[in-house]
Amino acid sequence: MRFKKWNIGTPAERDVALLRSAGYPYLLSTVLAARGVTTAEAAAEALERDRSLSMSPMLMRDMDKAVARIQRAISQGETIAVFGDYDVDGITSTVLLMDYLKSCGVRCLRHIPRRIEEGYGLSKEAIQGLRDQGATLMITVDCGITGNEEVDFAASIGLDVVITDHHECKEELPRALAVVDPHRSDCPYPFKHLAGVGVALKLVLALGARAGRMPCSPDTAPWRPLAPLPT
């Protein structure tokens, strides 16, 4: 460890009491006061956030292609595989996307690599297994941006691939039907630091918009869902 001792600030009791008297819970008041937020007005300002989703997912390069292919798979009753990752980002991305697809009546498969046995990223063996189970479309979440050889293999066995990822790209992108990654050099999406689950969420929002669940336009700002995502 670089630092062996943590110095944690202790807020003044009067500051905590003042925030509590303004209606904030004890724990929140303590955290705010420790960060130098000591008045009700300052607390309200610190906690206020825009509730709108101000950037349209359709600003991402290839999002339109991803949505079109996934919508076709949904409408034609195809089996869709979600290929995730074993870390928290990959697992939450997988759950988020599968939850949405299942709410649309899709038969879903999923593959999360075993860290020790398989390692990180796409593998031909896993891809073949998903195809053998009937998948005709595979969507990657939190991985795939460097899987050029594996994506070519998927195409050779009749499995279409849509990539969603947030990692840095190589100069040559995989030859997938769609490659959605804000780190693409040609991607105009302004915020480049989404987690993998953030990119997956943008895909779900775009799919929901095209299905009539919420408005979505590249020129719409702020961008607000009309209805909550399915649970």
Protein backbone atom coordinates (compact mmCIF):
# COMPACT_ATOMS: atom_id res chain seq x y z
CA MET A 1 0.00 0.00 0.00
CA ARG A 2 1.17 3.49 -0.75
CA PHE A 3 -0.40 4.92 2.38
CA LYS A 4 -0.35 2.96 5.64
CA LYS A 5 -2.40 5.44 7.64
CA TRP A 6 -5.70 7.00 6.71
CA ASN A 7 -6.48 10.43 8.11
CA ILE A 8 -10.24 10.73 8.35
CA GLY A 9 -11.61 14.14 9.21
CA THR A 10 -13.89 14.37 12.22
CA PRO A 11 -16.68 16.90 11.74
CA ALA A 12 -17.62 19.33 14.47
CA GLU A 13 -20.65 18.20 16.44
CA ARG A 14 -22.30 21.60 16.01
CA ASP A 15 -22.10 21.27 12.21
CA VAL A 16 -23.66 17.82 12.32
CA ALA A 17 -26.38 19.11 14.66
CA LEU A 18 -27.13 22.01 12.36
CA LEU A 19 -27.62 19.75 9.37
CA ARG A 20 -29.74 17.34 11.39
CA SER A 21 -31.93 20.23 12.48
CA ALA A 22 -32.48 20.98 8.80
CA GLY A 23 -33.89 17.46 8.35
CA TYR A 24 -30.88 15.50 7.12
CA PRO A 25 -30.26 12.02 8.63
CA TYR A 26 -27.39 11.60 11.06
CA LEU A 27 -25.12 9.60 8.73
CA LEU A 28 -25.65 11.99 5.81
CA SER A 29 -25.11 14.99 8.07
CA THR A 30 -21.86 13.49 9.36
CA VAL A 31 -20.53 12.79 5.87
CA LEU A 32 -21.47 16.25 4.60
CA ALA A 33 -19.98 18.03 7.61
CA ALA A 34 -16.75 16.03 7.27
CA ARG A 35 -16.49 17.34 3.73
CA GLY A 36 -16.92 20.94 4.78
CA VAL A 37 -20.62 21.23 3.96
CA THR A 38 -21.95 22.86 7.11
CA THR A 39 -25.14 24.75 6.23
CA ALA A 40 -28.54 23.62 5.02
CA GLU A 41 -28.15 25.75 1.90
CA ALA A 42 -24.77 24.25 1.06
CA ALA A 43 -26.11 20.73 1.66
CA ALA A 44 -29.04 21.31 -0.69
CA GLU A 45 -26.67 22.57 -3.38
CA ALA A 46 -24.25 19.66 -2.91
CA LEU A 47 -27.03 17.08 -3.15
CA GLU A 48 -28.93 18.66 -6.03
CA ARG A 49 -28.39 16.88 -9.31
CA ASP A 50 -30.06 17.11 -12.68
CA ARG A 51 -32.44 14.14 -12.89
CA SER A 52 -32.51 14.18 -16.68
CA LEU A 53 -30.32 11.95 -18.83
CA SER A 54 -28.92 14.78 -20.87
CA MET A 55 -26.96 12.86 -23.52
CA SER A 56 -28.85 10.79 -26.04
CA PRO A 57 -27.52 7.24 -26.47
CA MET A 58 -27.97 7.70 -30.22
CA LEU A 59 -24.93 9.98 -30.20
CA MET A 60 -22.78 6.87 -29.86
CA ARG A 61 -21.32 5.56 -33.09
CA ASP A 62 -23.06 2.37 -34.30
CA MET A 63 -25.83 2.61 -31.70
CA ASP A 64 -28.36 2.79 -34.55
CA LYS A 65 -26.93 -0.39 -36.07
CA ALA A 66 -26.97 -2.18 -32.72
CA VAL A 67 -30.57 -1.22 -32.04
CA ALA A 68 -31.72 -2.23 -35.53
CA ARG A 69 -30.16 -5.70 -35.30
CA ILE A 70 -31.41 -6.35 -31.78
CA GLN A 71 -34.91 -5.19 -32.65
CA ARG A 72 -34.92 -7.57 -35.61
CA ALA A 73 -33.86 -10.41 -33.35
CA ILE A 74 -36.64 -9.55 -30.89
CA SER A 75 -39.31 -9.33 -33.57
CA GLN A 76 -38.25 -12.60 -35.21
CA GLY A 77 -37.98 -14.57 -31.97
CA GLU A 78 -34.26 -15.22 -32.19
CA THR A 79 -32.19 -16.48 -29.31
CA ILE A 80 -29.84 -13.76 -28.06
CA ALA A 81 -26.68 -14.46 -26.09
CA VAL A 82 -25.15 -11.90 -23.75
CA PHE A 83 -21.40 -12.30 -23.26
CA GLY A 84 -20.22 -10.54 -20.12
CA ASP A 85 -17.26 -10.44 -17.76
CA TYR A 86 -16.55 -11.83 -14.30
CA ASP A 87 -16.03 -8.52 -12.50
CA VAL A 88 -18.72 -6.31 -10.97
CA ASP A 89 -18.99 -4.14 -14.06
CA GLY A 90 -19.41 -7.13 -16.36
CA ILE A 91 -21.91 -8.91 -14.12
CA THR A 92 -24.12 -5.84 -13.63
CA SER A 93 -23.95 -5.16 -17.37
CA THR A 94 -25.06 -8.72 -18.11
CA VAL A 95 -27.93 -8.59 -15.61
CA LEU A 96 -29.12 -5.20 -16.86
CA LEU A 97 -29.25 -6.20 -20.51
CA MET A 98 -30.72 -9.65 -19.90
CA ASP A 99 -33.40 -8.19 -17.66
CA TYR A 100 -34.49 -5.84 -20.44
CA LEU A 101 -34.38 -8.49 -23.16
CA LYS A 102 -36.40 -10.94 -21.04
CA SER A 103 -39.00 -8.23 -20.44
CA CYS A 104 -39.38 -8.16 -24.24
CA GLY A 105 -40.01 -11.92 -24.31
CA VAL A 106 -36.58 -12.84 -25.65
CA ARG A 107 -35.03 -16.25 -25.04
CA CYS A 108 -31.66 -15.27 -23.56
CA LEU A 109 -28.43 -17.11 -23.00
CA ARG A 110 -25.53 -15.69 -21.06
CA HIS A 111 -21.89 -16.45 -20.65
CA ILE A 112 -19.65 -15.02 -17.95
CA PRO A 113 -16.11 -16.43 -18.24
CA ARG A 114 -14.60 -18.31 -15.33
CA ARG A 115 -11.65 -16.17 -14.32
CA ILE A 116 -9.16 -18.95 -13.61
CA GLU A 117 -10.11 -21.37 -16.37
CA GLU A 118 -11.01 -18.98 -19.19
CA GLY A 119 -9.47 -15.61 -18.36
CA TYR A 120 -10.75 -12.27 -19.62
CA GLY A 121 -12.59 -11.64 -22.86
CA LEU A 122 -14.12 -13.59 -25.69
CA SER A 123 -13.16 -17.16 -26.43
CA LYS A 124 -13.92 -19.34 -29.43
CA GLU A 125 -14.98 -22.26 -27.23
CA ALA A 126 -17.57 -20.15 -25.39
CA ILE A 127 -18.81 -18.64 -28.63
CA GLN A 128 -19.23 -22.09 -30.15
CA GLY A 129 -21.14 -23.20 -27.07
CA LEU A 130 -23.59 -20.32 -27.38
CA ARG A 131 -24.10 -21.04 -31.07
CA ASP A 132 -24.69 -24.72 -30.31
CA GLN A 133 -27.47 -23.66 -27.93
CA GLY A 134 -29.24 -21.83 -30.73
CA ALA A 135 -27.99 -18.25 -30.39
CA THR A 136 -28.02 -16.27 -33.63
CA LEU A 137 -27.01 -12.95 -32.09
CA MET A 138 -24.39 -12.30 -29.41
CA ILE A 139 -24.14 -8.99 -27.57
CA THR A 140 -20.97 -8.34 -25.60
CA VAL A 141 -21.00 -6.16 -22.50
CA ASP A 142 -17.85 -4.81 -20.82
CA CYS A 143 -15.70 -6.77 -23.26
CA GLY A 144 -15.11 -7.57 -26.91
CA ILE A 145 -13.43 -4.43 -28.20
CA THR A 146 -10.14 -6.30 -28.79
CA GLY A 147 -11.70 -9.63 -29.80
CA ASN A 148 -11.07 -9.31 -33.55
CA GLU A 149 -10.22 -12.96 -34.11
CA GLU A 150 -13.10 -14.22 -31.97
CA VAL A 151 -15.63 -11.98 -33.73
CA ASP A 152 -14.44 -13.31 -37.09
CA PHE A 153 -14.88 -16.83 -35.77
CA ALA A 154 -18.43 -16.04 -34.61
CA ALA A 155 -19.30 -14.78 -38.09
CA SER A 156 -17.89 -17.97 -39.63
CA ILE A 157 -20.34 -20.12 -37.65
CA GLY A 158 -23.39 -17.93 -38.31
CA LEU A 159 -23.44 -15.89 -35.11
CA ASP A 160 -23.92 -12.15 -35.51
CA VAL A 161 -22.10 -9.95 -32.99
CA VAL A 162 -22.90 -6.58 -31.46
CA ILE A 163 -20.14 -5.22 -29.26
CA THR A 164 -20.69 -2.85 -26.35
CA ASP A 165 -17.60 -1.98 -24.35
CA HIS A 166 -15.87 0.90 -22.61
CA HIS A 167 -12.21 -0.09 -22.84
CA GLU A 168 -9.60 1.53 -25.06
CA CYS A 169 -9.72 0.46 -28.69
CA LYS A 170 -7.02 -0.88 -30.94
CA GLU A 171 -6.43 0.79 -34.29
CA GLU A 172 -8.39 -1.96 -36.05
CA LEU A 173 -11.87 -2.58 -34.63
CA PRO A 174 -13.52 -6.01 -34.69
CA ARG A 175 -15.64 -6.69 -37.77
CA ALA A 176 -18.89 -6.87 -35.80
CA LEU A 177 -22.27 -5.67 -37.03
CA ALA A 178 -22.00 -2.81 -34.53
CA VAL A 179 -19.21 -1.64 -32.25
CA VAL A 180 -20.49 0.66 -29.51
CA ASP A 181 -17.67 2.12 -27.44
CA PRO A 182 -17.27 5.80 -26.53
CA HIS A 183 -13.48 5.39 -26.88
CA ARG A 184 -13.77 4.89 -30.64
CA SER A 185 -11.86 7.68 -32.33
CA ASP A 186 -14.87 8.40 -34.53
CA CYS A 187 -17.47 8.29 -31.73
CA PRO A 188 -18.98 11.75 -31.10
CA TYR A 189 -20.41 10.86 -27.70
CA PRO A 190 -19.07 13.66 -25.46
CA PHE A 191 -18.49 11.68 -22.25
CA LYS A 192 -15.75 9.10 -22.68
CA HIS A 193 -15.62 7.66 -19.16
CA LEU A 194 -18.70 5.45 -18.90
CA ALA A 195 -18.29 2.09 -17.21
CA GLY A 196 -19.29 -0.98 -19.15
CA VAL A 197 -22.64 -1.01 -17.39
CA GLY A 198 -23.09 2.63 -18.41
CA VAL A 199 -22.72 1.67 -22.06
CA ALA A 200 -25.12 -1.25 -21.53
CA LEU A 201 -27.60 1.14 -19.94
CA LYS A 202 -27.33 3.46 -22.95
CA LEU A 203 -28.14 0.48 -25.20
CA VAL A 204 -31.19 -0.41 -23.11
CA LEU A 205 -32.38 3.20 -23.18
CA ALA A 206 -31.97 3.33 -26.95
CA LEU A 207 -33.88 0.06 -27.36
CA GLY A 208 -36.64 1.29 -25.10
CA ALA A 209 -36.90 4.53 -27.04
CA ARG A 210 -37.27 2.74 -30.36
CA ALA A 211 -39.89 0.48 -28.81
CA GLY A 212 -41.95 3.53 -27.81
CA ARG A 213 -41.20 3.35 -24.09
CA MET A 214 -39.38 6.69 -24.02
CA PRO A 215 -38.39 9.46 -26.43
CA CYS A 216 -34.93 9.45 -27.94
CA SER A 217 -33.37 11.79 -30.44
CA PRO A 218 -29.78 12.87 -31.02
CA ASP A 219 -31.01 16.44 -30.94
CA THR A 220 -33.04 16.09 -27.76
CA ALA A 221 -31.59 17.69 -24.64
CA PRO A 222 -32.35 17.14 -21.91
CA TRP A 223 -33.28 13.53 -22.61
CA ARG A 224 -35.90 12.25 -20.17
CA PRO A 225 -37.51 8.79 -20.03
CA LEU A 226 -41.28 8.84 -19.81
CA ALA A 227 -41.49 5.55 -17.97
CA PRO A 228 -39.21 3.55 -15.67
CA LEU A 229 -37.16 0.70 -17.03
CA PRO A 230 -38.71 -2.76 -16.62
CA THR A 231 -37.95 -4.58 -13.40
